[in-house]
Amino acid sequence: MTELRVVIPDEIAERLASEAAERGSSTEQVAAEVLMSHVPSGSKTRSLPAWVGAVRSGRDYLSERHEEILKSELGHTW
């Protein structure tokens, strides 16, 4: 394990401490979990954000033409 010193605003430190107390855990453990959930694992594949697909566009053809649309709009596909 590597020890990392991070300077954060007091408000964030208080929120971490509060979350740790609720979980019966340490502030360091909660901070480590937050970092692990937000830092890519090193794998080259990217997953789409959780909100993708959460709303309706009104365009029924999107599921059928998703690769074509991604390529034209973003220049690549997943």
PDB file of N, CA and C in Angstrom:
ATOM      1  N   MET A   1       0.835  -1.186   0.000  1.00  0.00           N
ATOM      2  CA  MET A   1       0.000   0.000   0.000  1.00  0.00           C
ATOM      3  C   MET A   1       0.873   1.240   0.000  1.00  0.00           C
ATOM      4  N   THR A   2       0.355   2.275  -0.612  1.00  0.00           N
ATOM      5  CA  THR A   2       1.036   3.561  -0.652  1.00  0.00           C
ATOM      6  C   THR A   2       0.244   4.559   0.170  1.00  0.00           C
ATOM      7  N   GLU A   3       0.932   5.325   0.970  1.00  0.00           N
ATOM      8  CA  GLU A   3       0.274   6.370   1.739  1.00  0.00           C
ATOM      9  C   GLU A   3       0.277   7.631   0.897  1.00  0.00           C
ATOM     10  N   LEU A   4      -0.873   8.297   0.826  1.00  0.00           N
ATOM     11  CA  LEU A   4      -1.026   9.498   0.013  1.00  0.00           C
ATOM     12  C   LEU A   4      -1.602  10.604   0.880  1.00  0.00           C
ATOM     13  N   ARG A   5      -0.959  11.741   0.879  1.00  0.00           N
ATOM     14  CA  ARG A   5      -1.454  12.893   1.640  1.00  0.00           C
ATOM     15  C   ARG A   5      -2.190  13.802   0.675  1.00  0.00           C
ATOM     16  N   VAL A   6      -3.441  14.095   0.994  1.00  0.00           N
ATOM     17  CA  VAL A   6      -4.277  14.932   0.142  1.00  0.00           C
ATOM     18  C   VAL A   6      -4.853  16.059   0.989  1.00  0.00           C
ATOM     19  N   VAL A   7      -4.778  17.268   0.487  1.00  0.00           N
ATOM     20  CA  VAL A   7      -5.349  18.415   1.185  1.00  0.00           C
ATOM     21  C   VAL A   7      -6.720  18.695   0.575  1.00  0.00           C
ATOM     22  N   ILE A   8      -7.752  18.669   1.416  1.00  0.00           N
ATOM     23  CA  ILE A   8      -9.129  18.883   0.945  1.00  0.00           C
ATOM     24  C   ILE A   8      -9.791  19.975   1.786  1.00  0.00           C
ATOM     25  N   PRO A   9     -10.828  20.607   1.255  1.00  0.00           N
ATOM     26  CA  PRO A   9     -11.541  21.627   2.024  1.00  0.00           C
ATOM     27  C   PRO A   9     -12.173  21.029   3.291  1.00  0.00           C
ATOM     28  N   ASP A  10     -12.316  21.849   4.309  1.00  0.00           N
ATOM     29  CA  ASP A  10     -12.901  21.405   5.575  1.00  0.00           C
ATOM     30  C   ASP A  10     -14.276  20.769   5.380  1.00  0.00           C
ATOM     31  N   GLU A  11     -15.084  21.328   4.504  1.00  0.00           N
ATOM     32  CA  GLU A  11     -16.434  20.802   4.266  1.00  0.00           C
ATOM     33  C   GLU A  11     -16.382  19.353   3.788  1.00  0.00           C
ATOM     34  N   ILE A  12     -15.459  19.049   2.888  1.00  0.00           N
ATOM     35  CA  ILE A  12     -15.326  17.681   2.376  1.00  0.00           C
ATOM     36  C   ILE A  12     -14.830  16.749   3.482  1.00  0.00           C
ATOM     37  N   ALA A  13     -13.883  17.221   4.287  1.00  0.00           N
ATOM     38  CA  ALA A  13     -13.379  16.417   5.403  1.00  0.00           C
ATOM     39  C   ALA A  13     -14.505  16.094   6.377  1.00  0.00           C
ATOM     40  N   GLU A  14     -15.371  17.057   6.646  1.00  0.00           N
ATOM     41  CA  GLU A  14     -16.507  16.837   7.541  1.00  0.00           C
ATOM     42  C   GLU A  14     -17.484  15.826   6.946  1.00  0.00           C
ATOM     43  N   ARG A  15     -17.709  15.921   5.644  1.00  0.00           N
ATOM     44  CA  ARG A  15     -18.612  14.973   4.986  1.00  0.00           C
ATOM     45  C   ARG A  15     -18.031  13.561   5.007  1.00  0.00           C
ATOM     46  N   LEU A  16     -16.727  13.441   4.780  1.00  0.00           N
ATOM     47  CA  LEU A  16     -16.070  12.136   4.867  1.00  0.00           C
ATOM     48  C   LEU A  16     -16.181  11.560   6.274  1.00  0.00           C
ATOM     49  N   ALA A  17     -15.931  12.388   7.266  1.00  0.00           N
ATOM     50  CA  ALA A  17     -15.998  11.934   8.658  1.00  0.00           C
ATOM     51  C   ALA A  17     -17.415  11.492   9.016  1.00  0.00           C
ATOM     52  N   SER A  18     -18.399  12.238   8.544  1.00  0.00           N
ATOM     53  CA  SER A  18     -19.800  11.898   8.803  1.00  0.00           C
ATOM     54  C   SER A  18     -20.158  10.561   8.154  1.00  0.00           C
ATOM     55  N   GLU A  19     -19.748  10.382   6.905  1.00  0.00           N
ATOM     56  CA  GLU A  19     -20.012   9.124   6.192  1.00  0.00           C
ATOM     57  C   GLU A  19     -19.314   7.961   6.890  1.00  0.00           C
ATOM     58  N   ALA A  20     -18.083   8.176   7.324  1.00  0.00           N
ATOM     59  CA  ALA A  20     -17.342   7.128   8.019  1.00  0.00           C
ATOM     60  C   ALA A  20     -18.036   6.736   9.316  1.00  0.00           C
ATOM     61  N   ALA A  21     -18.515   7.729  10.054  1.00  0.00           N
ATOM     62  CA  ALA A  21     -19.215   7.448  11.306  1.00  0.00           C
ATOM     63  C   ALA A  21     -20.489   6.639  11.052  1.00  0.00           C
ATOM     64  N   GLU A  22     -21.229   6.987  10.005  1.00  0.00           N
ATOM     65  CA  GLU A  22     -22.446   6.257   9.665  1.00  0.00           C
ATOM     66  C   GLU A  22     -22.142   4.806   9.316  1.00  0.00           C
ATOM     67  N   ARG A  23     -21.022   4.582   8.635  1.00  0.00           N
ATOM     68  CA  ARG A  23     -20.648   3.230   8.207  1.00  0.00           C
ATOM     69  C   ARG A  23     -19.915   2.448   9.293  1.00  0.00           C
ATOM     70  N   GLY A  24     -19.482   3.140  10.340  1.00  0.00           N
ATOM     71  CA  GLY A  24     -18.655   2.487  11.346  1.00  0.00           C
ATOM     72  C   GLY A  24     -17.276   2.172  10.798  1.00  0.00           C
ATOM     73  N   SER A  25     -16.780   3.062   9.962  1.00  0.00           N
ATOM     74  CA  SER A  25     -15.511   2.870   9.269  1.00  0.00           C
ATOM     75  C   SER A  25     -14.611   4.065   9.538  1.00  0.00           C
ATOM     76  N   SER A  26     -13.412   4.020   9.015  1.00  0.00           N
ATOM     77  CA  SER A  26     -12.509   5.161   9.169  1.00  0.00           C
ATOM     78  C   SER A  26     -12.682   6.131   7.993  1.00  0.00           C
ATOM     79  N   THR A  27     -12.316   7.370   8.236  1.00  0.00           N
ATOM     80  CA  THR A  27     -12.352   8.382   7.187  1.00  0.00           C
ATOM     81  C   THR A  27     -11.440   7.971   6.034  1.00  0.00           C
ATOM     82  N   GLU A  28     -10.295   7.400   6.358  1.00  0.00           N
ATOM     83  CA  GLU A  28      -9.348   6.968   5.336  1.00  0.00           C
ATOM     84  C   GLU A  28      -9.946   5.882   4.446  1.00  0.00           C
ATOM     85  N   GLN A  29     -10.682   4.946   5.060  1.00  0.00           N
ATOM     86  CA  GLN A  29     -11.287   3.868   4.279  1.00  0.00           C
ATOM     87  C   GLN A  29     -12.356   4.418   3.330  1.00  0.00           C
ATOM     88  N   VAL A  30     -13.173   5.346   3.808  1.00  0.00           N
ATOM     89  CA  VAL A  30     -14.202   5.947   2.959  1.00  0.00           C
ATOM     90  C   VAL A  30     -13.547   6.710   1.811  1.00  0.00           C
ATOM     91  N   ALA A  31     -12.513   7.475   2.106  1.00  0.00           N
ATOM     92  CA  ALA A  31     -11.805   8.221   1.056  1.00  0.00           C
ATOM     93  C   ALA A  31     -11.201   7.260   0.032  1.00  0.00           C
ATOM     94  N   ALA A  32     -10.626   6.161   0.489  1.00  0.00           N
ATOM     95  CA  ALA A  32     -10.040   5.176  -0.425  1.00  0.00           C
ATOM     96  C   ALA A  32     -11.120   4.564  -1.321  1.00  0.00           C
ATOM     97  N   GLU A  33     -12.290   4.259  -0.752  1.00  0.00           N
ATOM     98  CA  GLU A  33     -13.389   3.701  -1.544  1.00  0.00           C
ATOM     99  C   GLU A  33     -13.863   4.689  -2.605  1.00  0.00           C
ATOM    100  N   VAL A  34     -13.950   5.954  -2.239  1.00  0.00           N
ATOM    101  CA  VAL A  34     -14.368   6.980  -3.197  1.00  0.00           C
ATOM    102  C   VAL A  34     -13.363   7.060  -4.335  1.00  0.00           C
ATOM    103  N   LEU A  35     -12.087   7.084  -4.008  1.00  0.00           N
ATOM    104  CA  LEU A  35     -11.053   7.145  -5.043  1.00  0.00           C
ATOM    105  C   LEU A  35     -11.096   5.914  -5.943  1.00  0.00           C
ATOM    106  N   MET A  36     -11.236   4.735  -5.350  1.00  0.00           N
ATOM    107  CA  MET A  36     -11.278   3.508  -6.150  1.00  0.00           C
ATOM    108  C   MET A  36     -12.461   3.497  -7.111  1.00  0.00           C
ATOM    109  N   SER A  37     -13.580   4.075  -6.690  1.00  0.00           N
ATOM    110  CA  SER A  37     -14.759   4.064  -7.553  1.00  0.00           C
ATOM    111  C   SER A  37     -14.695   5.118  -8.661  1.00  0.00           C
ATOM    112  N   HIS A  38     -13.771   6.082  -8.549  1.00  0.00           N
ATOM    113  CA  HIS A  38     -13.702   7.145  -9.546  1.00  0.00           C
ATOM    114  C   HIS A  38     -12.427   7.162 -10.383  1.00  0.00           C
ATOM    115  N   VAL A  39     -11.467   6.323 -10.054  1.00  0.00           N
ATOM    116  CA  VAL A  39     -10.221   6.279 -10.807  1.00  0.00           C
ATOM    117  C   VAL A  39     -10.242   5.037 -11.693  1.00  0.00           C
ATOM    118  N   PRO A  40     -10.006   5.193 -12.988  1.00  0.00           N
ATOM    119  CA  PRO A  40     -10.033   4.035 -13.884  1.00  0.00           C
ATOM    120  C   PRO A  40      -9.078   2.937 -13.418  1.00  0.00           C
ATOM    121  N   SER A  41      -9.441   1.710 -13.679  1.00  0.00           N
ATOM    122  CA  SER A  41      -8.668   0.558 -13.221  1.00  0.00           C
ATOM    123  C   SER A  41      -7.391   0.322 -14.027  1.00  0.00           C
ATOM    124  N   GLY A  42      -7.212   1.028 -15.110  1.00  0.00           N
ATOM    125  CA  GLY A  42      -6.045   0.820 -15.947  1.00  0.00           C
ATOM    126  C   GLY A  42      -6.386   0.042 -17.198  1.00  0.00           C
ATOM    127  N   SER A  43      -7.561  -0.502 -17.243  1.00  0.00           N
ATOM    128  CA  SER A  43      -7.993  -1.222 -18.435  1.00  0.00           C
ATOM    129  C   SER A  43      -8.257  -0.208 -19.544  1.00  0.00           C
ATOM    130  N   LYS A  44      -8.025  -0.621 -20.764  1.00  0.00           N
ATOM    131  CA  LYS A  44      -8.189   0.284 -21.904  1.00  0.00           C
ATOM    132  C   LYS A  44      -9.642   0.465 -22.314  1.00  0.00           C
ATOM    133  N   THR A  45     -10.545  -0.370 -21.832  1.00  0.00           N
ATOM    134  CA  THR A  45     -11.949  -0.228 -22.215  1.00  0.00           C
ATOM    135  C   THR A  45     -12.632   0.772 -21.301  1.00  0.00           C
ATOM    136  N   ARG A  46     -13.447   1.596 -21.899  1.00  0.00           N
ATOM    137  CA  ARG A  46     -14.206   2.591 -21.147  1.00  0.00           C
ATOM    138  C   ARG A  46     -15.661   2.176 -21.107  1.00  0.00           C
ATOM    139  N   SER A  47     -16.258   2.246 -19.949  1.00  0.00           N
ATOM    140  CA  SER A  47     -17.681   1.976 -19.878  1.00  0.00           C
ATOM    141  C   SER A  47     -18.421   3.305 -19.980  1.00  0.00           C
ATOM    142  N   LEU A  48     -19.639   3.219 -20.418  1.00  0.00           N
ATOM    143  CA  LEU A  48     -20.454   4.422 -20.536  1.00  0.00           C
ATOM    144  C   LEU A  48     -20.917   4.858 -19.156  1.00  0.00           C
ATOM    145  N   PRO A  49     -21.143   6.155 -18.963  1.00  0.00           N
ATOM    146  CA  PRO A  49     -21.643   6.628 -17.672  1.00  0.00           C
ATOM    147  C   PRO A  49     -22.993   5.991 -17.338  1.00  0.00           C
ATOM    148  N   ALA A  50     -23.290   5.881 -16.046  1.00  0.00           N
ATOM    149  CA  ALA A  50     -24.518   5.222 -15.592  1.00  0.00           C
ATOM    150  C   ALA A  50     -25.777   5.910 -16.108  1.00  0.00           C
ATOM    151  N   TRP A  51     -25.704   7.205 -16.414  1.00  0.00           N
ATOM    152  CA  TRP A  51     -26.908   7.920 -16.837  1.00  0.00           C
ATOM    153  C   TRP A  51     -27.264   7.658 -18.294  1.00  0.00           C
ATOM    154  N   VAL A  52     -26.380   7.028 -19.050  1.00  0.00           N
ATOM    155  CA  VAL A  52     -26.667   6.757 -20.461  1.00  0.00           C
ATOM    156  C   VAL A  52     -27.875   5.836 -20.545  1.00  0.00           C
ATOM    157  N   GLY A  53     -28.851   6.251 -21.314  1.00  0.00           N
ATOM    158  CA  GLY A  53     -30.069   5.472 -21.482  1.00  0.00           C
ATOM    159  C   GLY A  53     -31.145   5.790 -20.473  1.00  0.00           C
ATOM    160  N   ALA A  54     -30.907   6.787 -19.624  1.00  0.00           N
ATOM    161  CA  ALA A  54     -31.863   7.098 -18.570  1.00  0.00           C
ATOM    162  C   ALA A  54     -33.019   7.976 -19.033  1.00  0.00           C
ATOM    163  N   VAL A  55     -32.921   8.548 -20.212  1.00  0.00           N
ATOM    164  CA  VAL A  55     -33.984   9.422 -20.704  1.00  0.00           C
ATOM    165  C   VAL A  55     -34.442   8.968 -22.080  1.00  0.00           C
ATOM    166  N   ARG A  56     -35.596   9.387 -22.465  1.00  0.00           N
ATOM    167  CA  ARG A  56     -36.153   9.030 -23.765  1.00  0.00           C
ATOM    168  C   ARG A  56     -35.971  10.201 -24.717  1.00  0.00           C
ATOM    169  N   SER A  57     -35.408   9.925 -25.880  1.00  0.00           N
ATOM    170  CA  SER A  57     -35.138  10.982 -26.856  1.00  0.00           C
ATOM    171  C   SER A  57     -36.320  11.227 -27.775  1.00  0.00           C
ATOM    172  N   GLY A  58     -37.189  10.223 -27.906  1.00  0.00           N
ATOM    173  CA  GLY A  58     -38.297  10.341 -28.847  1.00  0.00           C
ATOM    174  C   GLY A  58     -37.932   9.846 -30.235  1.00  0.00           C
ATOM    175  N   ARG A  59     -36.675   9.443 -30.429  1.00  0.00           N
ATOM    176  CA  ARG A  59     -36.227   8.921 -31.723  1.00  0.00           C
ATOM    177  C   ARG A  59     -36.077   7.404 -31.613  1.00  0.00           C
ATOM    178  N   ASP A  60     -36.996   6.657 -32.207  1.00  0.00           N
ATOM    179  CA  ASP A  60     -37.035   5.211 -32.069  1.00  0.00           C
ATOM    180  C   ASP A  60     -35.888   4.496 -32.770  1.00  0.00           C
ATOM    181  N   TYR A  61     -35.267   5.117 -33.755  1.00  0.00           N
ATOM    182  CA  TYR A  61     -34.244   4.440 -34.550  1.00  0.00           C
ATOM    183  C   TYR A  61     -32.870   4.414 -33.885  1.00  0.00           C
ATOM    184  N   LEU A  62     -32.702   5.050 -32.751  1.00  0.00           N
ATOM    185  CA  LEU A  62     -31.372   5.152 -32.137  1.00  0.00           C
ATOM    186  C   LEU A  62     -30.771   3.794 -31.805  1.00  0.00           C
ATOM    187  N   SER A  63     -31.579   2.882 -31.281  1.00  0.00           N
ATOM    188  CA  SER A  63     -31.015   1.581 -30.920  1.00  0.00           C
ATOM    189  C   SER A  63     -30.561   0.798 -32.146  1.00  0.00           C
ATOM    190  N   GLU A  64     -31.213   1.019 -33.271  1.00  0.00           N
ATOM    191  CA  GLU A  64     -30.852   0.310 -34.494  1.00  0.00           C
ATOM    192  C   GLU A  64     -29.630   0.918 -35.173  1.00  0.00           C
ATOM    193  N   ARG A  65     -29.440   2.233 -35.018  1.00  0.00           N
ATOM    194  CA  ARG A  65     -28.359   2.923 -35.724  1.00  0.00           C
ATOM    195  C   ARG A  65     -27.300   3.477 -34.780  1.00  0.00           C
ATOM    196  N   HIS A  66     -27.205   2.940 -33.563  1.00  0.00           N
ATOM    197  CA  HIS A  66     -26.318   3.529 -32.559  1.00  0.00           C
ATOM    198  C   HIS A  66     -24.858   3.600 -32.997  1.00  0.00           C
ATOM    199  N   GLU A  67     -24.347   2.549 -33.635  1.00  0.00           N
ATOM    200  CA  GLU A  67     -22.941   2.584 -34.054  1.00  0.00           C
ATOM    201  C   GLU A  67     -22.696   3.646 -35.121  1.00  0.00           C
ATOM    202  N   GLU A  68     -23.599   3.740 -36.066  1.00  0.00           N
ATOM    203  CA  GLU A  68     -23.481   4.748 -37.123  1.00  0.00           C
ATOM    204  C   GLU A  68     -23.520   6.160 -36.531  1.00  0.00           C
ATOM    205  N   ILE A  69     -24.438   6.385 -35.593  1.00  0.00           N
ATOM    206  CA  ILE A  69     -24.588   7.706 -34.969  1.00  0.00           C
ATOM    207  C   ILE A  69     -23.360   8.040 -34.131  1.00  0.00           C
ATOM    208  N   LEU A  70     -22.874   7.081 -33.312  1.00  0.00           N
ATOM    209  CA  LEU A  70     -21.676   7.335 -32.507  1.00  0.00           C
ATOM    210  C   LEU A  70     -20.484   7.679 -33.381  1.00  0.00           C
ATOM    211  N   LYS A  71     -20.326   6.931 -34.456  1.00  0.00           N
ATOM    212  CA  LYS A  71     -19.189   7.180 -35.340  1.00  0.00           C
ATOM    213  C   LYS A  71     -19.278   8.568 -35.975  1.00  0.00           C
ATOM    214  N   SER A  72     -20.470   8.959 -36.420  1.00  0.00           N
ATOM    215  CA  SER A  72     -20.611  10.271 -37.062  1.00  0.00           C
ATOM    216  C   SER A  72     -20.499  11.415 -36.071  1.00  0.00           C
ATOM    217  N   GLU A  73     -20.995  11.220 -34.857  1.00  0.00           N
ATOM    218  CA  GLU A  73     -20.977  12.299 -33.851  1.00  0.00           C
ATOM    219  C   GLU A  73     -19.667  12.374 -33.071  1.00  0.00           C
ATOM    220  N   LEU A  74     -19.079  11.216 -32.750  1.00  0.00           N
ATOM    221  CA  LEU A  74     -17.906  11.184 -31.884  1.00  0.00           C
ATOM    222  C   LEU A  74     -16.635  10.728 -32.581  1.00  0.00           C
ATOM    223  N   GLY A  75     -16.791  10.167 -33.758  1.00  0.00           N
ATOM    224  CA  GLY A  75     -15.627   9.710 -34.494  1.00  0.00           C
ATOM    225  C   GLY A  75     -15.151   8.316 -34.117  1.00  0.00           C
ATOM    226  N   HIS A  76     -15.904   7.636 -33.235  1.00  0.00           N
ATOM    227  CA  HIS A  76     -15.534   6.279 -32.845  1.00  0.00           C
ATOM    228  C   HIS A  76     -16.746   5.558 -32.284  1.00  0.00           C
ATOM    229  N   THR A  77     -16.577   4.281 -32.023  1.00  0.00           N
ATOM    230  CA  THR A  77     -17.626   3.493 -31.380  1.00  0.00           C
ATOM    231  C   THR A  77     -17.042   2.824 -30.142  1.00  0.00           C
ATOM    232  N   TRP A  78     -17.915   2.327 -29.319  1.00  0.00           N
ATOM    233  CA  TRP A  78     -17.472   1.621 -28.113  1.00  0.00           C
ATOM    234  C   TRP A  78     -17.413   0.166 -28.379  1.00  0.00           C
TER     235      TRP A  78
END
